[in-house]
Amino acid sequence: ILEFTKALQAHGIKTFAVTEVTDIPVIK
């Protein structure tokens, strides 16, 4: 999740989506 999100951030993506609340503190 962290590596994937960083790759998308590098291409200018500004909105992300997850399904589980347990992912919130990780990606935050």
PDB file of all heavy atoms in Angstrom:
ATOM      1  N   ILE A   1       0.806  -1.220   0.000  1.00  0.00           N
ATOM      2  CA  ILE A   1       0.000   0.000   0.000  1.00  0.00           C
ATOM      3  C   ILE A   1       0.841   1.272   0.000  1.00  0.00           C
ATOM      4  O   ILE A   1       0.532   2.227  -0.714  1.00  0.00           O
ATOM      5  CB  ILE A   1      -0.998   0.002   1.179  1.00  0.00           C
ATOM      6  CG1 ILE A   1      -1.964   1.198   1.068  1.00  0.00           C
ATOM      7  CG2 ILE A   1      -0.280  -0.008   2.527  1.00  0.00           C
ATOM      8  CD1 ILE A   1      -3.122   1.119   2.045  1.00  0.00           C
ATOM      9  N   LEU A   2       1.934   1.308   0.762  1.00  0.00           N
ATOM     10  CA  LEU A   2       2.741   2.523   0.813  1.00  0.00           C
ATOM     11  C   LEU A   2       3.516   2.735  -0.481  1.00  0.00           C
ATOM     12  O   LEU A   2       3.528   3.836  -1.049  1.00  0.00           O
ATOM     13  CB  LEU A   2       3.691   2.476   2.006  1.00  0.00           C
ATOM     14  CG  LEU A   2       3.030   2.508   3.385  1.00  0.00           C
ATOM     15  CD1 LEU A   2       4.086   2.474   4.488  1.00  0.00           C
ATOM     16  CD2 LEU A   2       2.165   3.760   3.538  1.00  0.00           C
ATOM     17  N   GLU A   3       4.166   1.684  -0.974  1.00  0.00           N
ATOM     18  CA  GLU A   3       4.954   1.807  -2.196  1.00  0.00           C
ATOM     19  C   GLU A   3       4.065   2.149  -3.386  1.00  0.00           C
ATOM     20  O   GLU A   3       4.400   2.996  -4.223  1.00  0.00           O
ATOM     21  CB  GLU A   3       5.710   0.503  -2.472  1.00  0.00           C
ATOM     22  CG  GLU A   3       6.694   0.112  -1.386  1.00  0.00           C
ATOM     23  CD  GLU A   3       6.069  -0.803  -0.341  1.00  0.00           C
ATOM     24  OE1 GLU A   3       4.834  -0.769  -0.177  1.00  0.00           O
ATOM     25  OE2 GLU A   3       6.815  -1.551   0.313  1.00  0.00           O
ATOM     26  N   PHE A   4       2.910   1.496  -3.454  1.00  0.00           N
ATOM     27  CA  PHE A   4       1.970   1.711  -4.550  1.00  0.00           C
ATOM     28  C   PHE A   4       1.435   3.143  -4.526  1.00  0.00           C
ATOM     29  O   PHE A   4       1.373   3.822  -5.556  1.00  0.00           O
ATOM     30  CB  PHE A   4       0.834   0.700  -4.420  1.00  0.00           C
ATOM     31  CG  PHE A   4      -0.052   0.568  -5.632  1.00  0.00           C
ATOM     32  CD1 PHE A   4       0.476   0.462  -6.898  1.00  0.00           C
ATOM     33  CD2 PHE A   4      -1.432   0.513  -5.489  1.00  0.00           C
ATOM     34  CE1 PHE A   4      -0.346   0.311  -8.011  1.00  0.00           C
ATOM     35  CE2 PHE A   4      -2.266   0.373  -6.590  1.00  0.00           C
ATOM     36  CZ  PHE A   4      -1.724   0.267  -7.849  1.00  0.00           C
ATOM     37  N   THR A   5       1.060   3.607  -3.330  1.00  0.00           N
ATOM     38  CA  THR A   5       0.532   4.965  -3.193  1.00  0.00           C
ATOM     39  C   THR A   5       1.580   6.004  -3.591  1.00  0.00           C
ATOM     40  O   THR A   5       1.285   6.981  -4.280  1.00  0.00           O
ATOM     41  CB  THR A   5       0.064   5.218  -1.753  1.00  0.00           C
ATOM     42  OG1 THR A   5      -0.965   4.276  -1.424  1.00  0.00           O
ATOM     43  CG2 THR A   5      -0.488   6.624  -1.586  1.00  0.00           C
ATOM     44  N   LYS A   6       2.823   5.795  -3.162  1.00  0.00           N
ATOM     45  CA  LYS A   6       3.893   6.727  -3.517  1.00  0.00           C
ATOM     46  C   LYS A   6       4.081   6.797  -5.030  1.00  0.00           C
ATOM     47  O   LYS A   6       4.326   7.873  -5.597  1.00  0.00           O
ATOM     48  CB  LYS A   6       5.195   6.312  -2.842  1.00  0.00           C
ATOM     49  CG  LYS A   6       5.228   6.548  -1.341  1.00  0.00           C
ATOM     50  CD  LYS A   6       6.516   6.008  -0.739  1.00  0.00           C
ATOM     51  CE  LYS A   6       6.528   6.188   0.782  1.00  0.00           C
ATOM     52  NZ  LYS A   6       7.756   5.605   1.402  1.00  0.00           N
ATOM     53  N   ALA A   7       3.986   5.659  -5.699  1.00  0.00           N
ATOM     54  CA  ALA A   7       4.134   5.641  -7.158  1.00  0.00           C
ATOM     55  C   ALA A   7       3.023   6.456  -7.819  1.00  0.00           C
ATOM     56  O   ALA A   7       3.269   7.196  -8.774  1.00  0.00           O
ATOM     57  CB  ALA A   7       4.113   4.201  -7.665  1.00  0.00           C
ATOM     58  N   LEU A   8       1.802   6.343  -7.304  1.00  0.00           N
ATOM     59  CA  LEU A   8       0.684   7.108  -7.863  1.00  0.00           C
ATOM     60  C   LEU A   8       0.813   8.595  -7.542  1.00  0.00           C
ATOM     61  O   LEU A   8       0.494   9.455  -8.386  1.00  0.00           O
ATOM     62  CB  LEU A   8      -0.643   6.563  -7.328  1.00  0.00           C
ATOM     63  CG  LEU A   8      -0.955   5.099  -7.658  1.00  0.00           C
ATOM     64  CD1 LEU A   8      -2.300   4.693  -7.068  1.00  0.00           C
ATOM     65  CD2 LEU A   8      -0.937   4.854  -9.151  1.00  0.00           C
ATOM     66  N   GLN A   9       1.281   8.916  -6.338  1.00  0.00           N
ATOM     67  CA  GLN A   9       1.518  10.317  -5.979  1.00  0.00           C
ATOM     68  C   GLN A   9       2.492  10.977  -6.944  1.00  0.00           C
ATOM     69  O   GLN A   9       2.324  12.136  -7.317  1.00  0.00           O
ATOM     70  CB  GLN A   9       2.077  10.408  -4.553  1.00  0.00           C
ATOM     71  CG  GLN A   9       1.066  10.196  -3.449  1.00  0.00           C
ATOM     72  CD  GLN A   9       1.727  10.231  -2.086  1.00  0.00           C
ATOM     73  OE1 GLN A   9       2.757   9.579  -1.851  1.00  0.00           O
ATOM     74  NE2 GLN A   9       1.146  10.975  -1.154  1.00  0.00           N
ATOM     75  N   ALA A  10       3.516  10.231  -7.339  1.00  0.00           N
ATOM     76  CA  ALA A  10       4.543  10.778  -8.226  1.00  0.00           C
ATOM     77  C   ALA A  10       3.978  11.161  -9.589  1.00  0.00           C
ATOM     78  O   ALA A  10       4.580  11.958 -10.311  1.00  0.00           O
ATOM     79  CB  ALA A  10       5.675   9.762  -8.405  1.00  0.00           C
ATOM     80  N   HIS A  11       2.810  10.621  -9.931  1.00  0.00           N
ATOM     81  CA  HIS A  11       2.171  10.961 -11.210  1.00  0.00           C
ATOM     82  C   HIS A  11       1.034  11.954 -11.036  1.00  0.00           C
ATOM     83  O   HIS A  11       0.225  12.146 -11.940  1.00  0.00           O
ATOM     84  CB  HIS A  11       1.674   9.682 -11.878  1.00  0.00           C
ATOM     85  CG  HIS A  11       2.780   8.815 -12.414  1.00  0.00           C
ATOM     86  ND1 HIS A  11       3.204   8.844 -13.722  1.00  0.00           N
ATOM     87  CD2 HIS A  11       3.573   7.910 -11.780  1.00  0.00           C
ATOM     88  CE1 HIS A  11       4.195   7.984 -13.889  1.00  0.00           C
ATOM     89  NE2 HIS A  11       4.438   7.405 -12.729  1.00  0.00           N
ATOM     90  N   GLY A  12       0.964  12.569  -9.861  1.00  0.00           N
ATOM     91  CA  GLY A  12       0.026  13.662  -9.650  1.00  0.00           C
ATOM     92  C   GLY A  12      -1.355  13.276  -9.179  1.00  0.00           C
ATOM     93  O   GLY A  12      -2.247  14.135  -9.133  1.00  0.00           O
ATOM     94  N   ILE A  13      -1.574  12.025  -8.823  1.00  0.00           N
ATOM     95  CA  ILE A  13      -2.887  11.621  -8.330  1.00  0.00           C
ATOM     96  C   ILE A  13      -3.097  12.200  -6.940  1.00  0.00           C
ATOM     97  O   ILE A  13      -2.223  12.084  -6.064  1.00  0.00           O
ATOM     98  CB  ILE A  13      -3.020  10.085  -8.338  1.00  0.00           C
ATOM     99  CG1 ILE A  13      -3.052   9.594  -9.790  1.00  0.00           C
ATOM    100  CG2 ILE A  13      -4.263   9.625  -7.583  1.00  0.00           C
ATOM    101  CD1 ILE A  13      -3.110   8.094  -9.949  1.00  0.00           C
ATOM    102  N   LYS A  14      -4.263  12.824  -6.735  1.00  0.00           N
ATOM    103  CA  LYS A  14      -4.523  13.586  -5.510  1.00  0.00           C
ATOM    104  C   LYS A  14      -5.592  12.978  -4.612  1.00  0.00           C
ATOM    105  O   LYS A  14      -5.791  13.446  -3.492  1.00  0.00           O
ATOM    106  CB  LYS A  14      -4.940  15.013  -5.872  1.00  0.00           C
ATOM    107  CG  LYS A  14      -3.841  15.842  -6.525  1.00  0.00           C
ATOM    108  CD  LYS A  14      -2.699  16.087  -5.562  1.00  0.00           C
ATOM    109  CE  LYS A  14      -1.659  17.030  -6.153  1.00  0.00           C
ATOM    110  NZ  LYS A  14      -0.515  17.232  -5.204  1.00  0.00           N
ATOM    111  N   THR A  15      -6.296  11.963  -5.107  1.00  0.00           N
ATOM    112  CA  THR A  15      -7.325  11.313  -4.297  1.00  0.00           C
ATOM    113  C   THR A  15      -7.069   9.816  -4.279  1.00  0.00           C
ATOM    114  O   THR A  15      -6.803   9.217  -5.337  1.00  0.00           O
ATOM    115  CB  THR A  15      -8.735  11.579  -4.854  1.00  0.00           C
ATOM    116  OG1 THR A  15      -8.953  12.986  -4.924  1.00  0.00           O
ATOM    117  CG2 THR A  15      -9.803  10.957  -3.966  1.00  0.00           C
ATOM    118  N   PHE A  16      -7.140   9.231  -3.089  1.00  0.00           N
ATOM    119  CA  PHE A  16      -6.901   7.799  -2.939  1.00  0.00           C
ATOM    120  C   PHE A  16      -8.089   7.151  -2.249  1.00  0.00           C
ATOM    121  O   PHE A  16      -8.883   7.825  -1.585  1.00  0.00           O
ATOM    122  CB  PHE A  16      -5.612   7.558  -2.156  1.00  0.00           C
ATOM    123  CG  PHE A  16      -4.393   8.048  -2.884  1.00  0.00           C
ATOM    124  CD1 PHE A  16      -3.917   9.343  -2.698  1.00  0.00           C
ATOM    125  CD2 PHE A  16      -3.746   7.230  -3.795  1.00  0.00           C
ATOM    126  CE1 PHE A  16      -2.822   9.810  -3.403  1.00  0.00           C
ATOM    127  CE2 PHE A  16      -2.647   7.688  -4.509  1.00  0.00           C
ATOM    128  CZ  PHE A  16      -2.183   8.981  -4.305  1.00  0.00           C
ATOM    129  N   ALA A  17      -8.213   5.849  -2.421  1.00  0.00           N
ATOM    130  CA  ALA A  17      -9.365   5.143  -1.865  1.00  0.00           C
ATOM    131  C   ALA A  17      -8.953   3.794  -1.304  1.00  0.00           C
ATOM    132  O   ALA A  17      -8.171   3.065  -1.925  1.00  0.00           O
ATOM    133  CB  ALA A  17     -10.432   4.961  -2.942  1.00  0.00           C
ATOM    134  N   VAL A  18      -9.474   3.489  -0.118  1.00  0.00           N
ATOM    135  CA  VAL A  18      -9.306   2.178   0.509  1.00  0.00           C
ATOM    136  C   VAL A  18     -10.674   1.716   0.998  1.00  0.00           C
ATOM    137  O   VAL A  18     -11.631   2.491   1.039  1.00  0.00           O
ATOM    138  CB  VAL A  18      -8.310   2.228   1.695  1.00  0.00           C
ATOM    139  CG1 VAL A  18      -6.918   2.599   1.220  1.00  0.00           C
ATOM    140  CG2 VAL A  18      -8.789   3.203   2.778  1.00  0.00           C
ATOM    141  N   THR A  19     -10.769   0.460   1.379  1.00  0.00           N
ATOM    142  CA  THR A  19     -12.042  -0.044   1.887  1.00  0.00           C
ATOM    143  C   THR A  19     -12.041  -0.204   3.400  1.00  0.00           C
ATOM    144  O   THR A  19     -13.077  -0.030   4.049  1.00  0.00           O
ATOM    145  CB  THR A  19     -12.397  -1.400   1.255  1.00  0.00           C
ATOM    146  OG1 THR A  19     -11.313  -2.306   1.448  1.00  0.00           O
ATOM    147  CG2 THR A  19     -12.678  -1.247  -0.220  1.00  0.00           C
ATOM    148  N   GLU A  20     -10.896  -0.538   3.984  1.00  0.00           N
ATOM    149  CA  GLU A  20     -10.848  -0.858   5.408  1.00  0.00           C
ATOM    150  C   GLU A  20     -10.306   0.307   6.236  1.00  0.00           C
ATOM    151  O   GLU A  20      -9.297   0.929   5.871  1.00  0.00           O
ATOM    152  CB  GLU A  20      -9.983  -2.106   5.649  1.00  0.00           C
ATOM    153  CG  GLU A  20     -10.510  -3.343   4.942  1.00  0.00           C
ATOM    154  CD  GLU A  20     -11.952  -3.646   5.304  1.00  0.00           C
ATOM    155  OE1 GLU A  20     -12.299  -3.576   6.500  1.00  0.00           O
ATOM    156  OE2 GLU A  20     -12.750  -3.966   4.393  1.00  0.00           O
ATOM    157  N   VAL A  21     -10.956   0.569   7.365  1.00  0.00           N
ATOM    158  CA  VAL A  21     -10.496   1.662   8.232  1.00  0.00           C
ATOM    159  C   VAL A  21      -9.124   1.369   8.820  1.00  0.00           C
ATOM    160  O   VAL A  21      -8.403   2.290   9.208  1.00  0.00           O
ATOM    161  CB  VAL A  21     -11.511   1.951   9.353  1.00  0.00           C
ATOM    162  CG1 VAL A  21     -12.832   2.438   8.768  1.00  0.00           C
ATOM    163  CG2 VAL A  21     -11.736   0.736  10.241  1.00  0.00           C
ATOM    164  N   THR A  22      -8.735   0.097   8.879  1.00  0.00           N
ATOM    165  CA  THR A  22      -7.407  -0.250   9.395  1.00  0.00           C
ATOM    166  C   THR A  22      -6.294   0.256   8.477  1.00  0.00           C
ATOM    167  O   THR A  22      -5.142   0.368   8.901  1.00  0.00           O
ATOM    168  CB  THR A  22      -7.270  -1.777   9.571  1.00  0.00           C
ATOM    169  OG1 THR A  22      -7.671  -2.427   8.351  1.00  0.00           O
ATOM    170  CG2 THR A  22      -8.150  -2.272  10.711  1.00  0.00           C
ATOM    171  N   ASP A  23      -6.634   0.565   7.221  1.00  0.00           N
ATOM    172  CA  ASP A  23      -5.637   1.119   6.295  1.00  0.00           C
ATOM    173  C   ASP A  23      -5.394   2.603   6.524  1.00  0.00           C
ATOM    174  O   ASP A  23      -4.382   3.145   6.071  1.00  0.00           O
ATOM    175  CB  ASP A  23      -6.086   0.928   4.841  1.00  0.00           C
ATOM    176  CG  ASP A  23      -5.932  -0.503   4.356  1.00  0.00           C
ATOM    177  OD1 ASP A  23      -5.064  -1.204   4.883  1.00  0.00           O
ATOM    178  OD2 ASP A  23      -6.698  -0.906   3.453  1.00  0.00           O
ATOM    179  N   ILE A  24      -6.322   3.267   7.220  1.00  0.00           N
ATOM    180  CA  ILE A  24      -6.236   4.723   7.372  1.00  0.00           C
ATOM    181  C   ILE A  24      -4.943   5.173   8.049  1.00  0.00           C
ATOM    182  O   ILE A  24      -4.218   6.004   7.485  1.00  0.00           O
ATOM    183  CB  ILE A  24      -7.469   5.274   8.115  1.00  0.00           C
ATOM    184  CG1 ILE A  24      -8.718   5.071   7.265  1.00  0.00           C
ATOM    185  CG2 ILE A  24      -7.287   6.756   8.452  1.00  0.00           C
ATOM    186  CD1 ILE A  24     -10.017   5.430   7.965  1.00  0.00           C
ATOM    187  N   PRO A  25      -4.589   4.667   9.240  1.00  0.00           N
ATOM    188  CA  PRO A  25      -3.358   5.154   9.865  1.00  0.00           C
ATOM    189  C   PRO A  25      -2.094   4.800   9.088  1.00  0.00           C
ATOM    190  O   PRO A  25      -1.094   5.515   9.167  1.00  0.00           O
ATOM    191  CB  PRO A  25      -3.368   4.458  11.237  1.00  0.00           C
ATOM    192  CG  PRO A  25      -4.275   3.294  11.088  1.00  0.00           C
ATOM    193  CD  PRO A  25      -5.305   3.703  10.089  1.00  0.00           C
ATOM    194  N   VAL A  26      -2.152   3.721   8.308  1.00  0.00           N
ATOM    195  CA  VAL A  26      -0.986   3.317   7.516  1.00  0.00           C
ATOM    196  C   VAL A  26      -0.743   4.299   6.384  1.00  0.00           C
ATOM    197  O   VAL A  26       0.348   4.861   6.239  1.00  0.00           O
ATOM    198  CB  VAL A  26      -1.182   1.890   6.948  1.00  0.00           C
ATOM    199  CG1 VAL A  26       0.021   1.500   6.080  1.00  0.00           C
ATOM    200  CG2 VAL A  26      -1.368   0.886   8.083  1.00  0.00           C
ATOM    201  N   ILE A  27      -1.772   4.548   5.577  1.00  0.00           N
ATOM    202  CA  ILE A  27      -1.608   5.411   4.412  1.00  0.00           C
ATOM    203  C   ILE A  27      -1.504   6.877   4.801  1.00  0.00           C
ATOM    204  O   ILE A  27      -0.869   7.675   4.103  1.00  0.00           O
ATOM    205  CB  ILE A  27      -2.760   5.181   3.410  1.00  0.00           C
ATOM    206  CG1 ILE A  27      -2.428   5.837   2.065  1.00  0.00           C
ATOM    207  CG2 ILE A  27      -4.077   5.680   3.959  1.00  0.00           C
ATOM    208  CD1 ILE A  27      -3.432   5.518   0.977  1.00  0.00           C
ATOM    209  N   LYS A  28      -2.084   7.248   5.940  1.00  0.00           N
ATOM    210  CA  LYS A  28      -2.012   8.642   6.391  1.00  0.00           C
ATOM    211  C   LYS A  28      -0.574   9.089   6.636  1.00  0.00           C
ATOM    212  O   LYS A  28      -0.270  10.283   6.624  1.00  0.00           O
ATOM    213  CB  LYS A  28      -2.842   8.826   7.661  1.00  0.00           C
ATOM    214  CG  LYS A  28      -4.311   9.133   7.427  1.00  0.00           C
ATOM    215  CD  LYS A  28      -4.483  10.555   6.904  1.00  0.00           C
ATOM    216  CE  LYS A  28      -5.915  10.985   6.814  1.00  0.00           C
ATOM    217  NZ  LYS A  28      -6.050  12.389   6.414  1.00  0.00           N
TER     218      LYS A  28
END
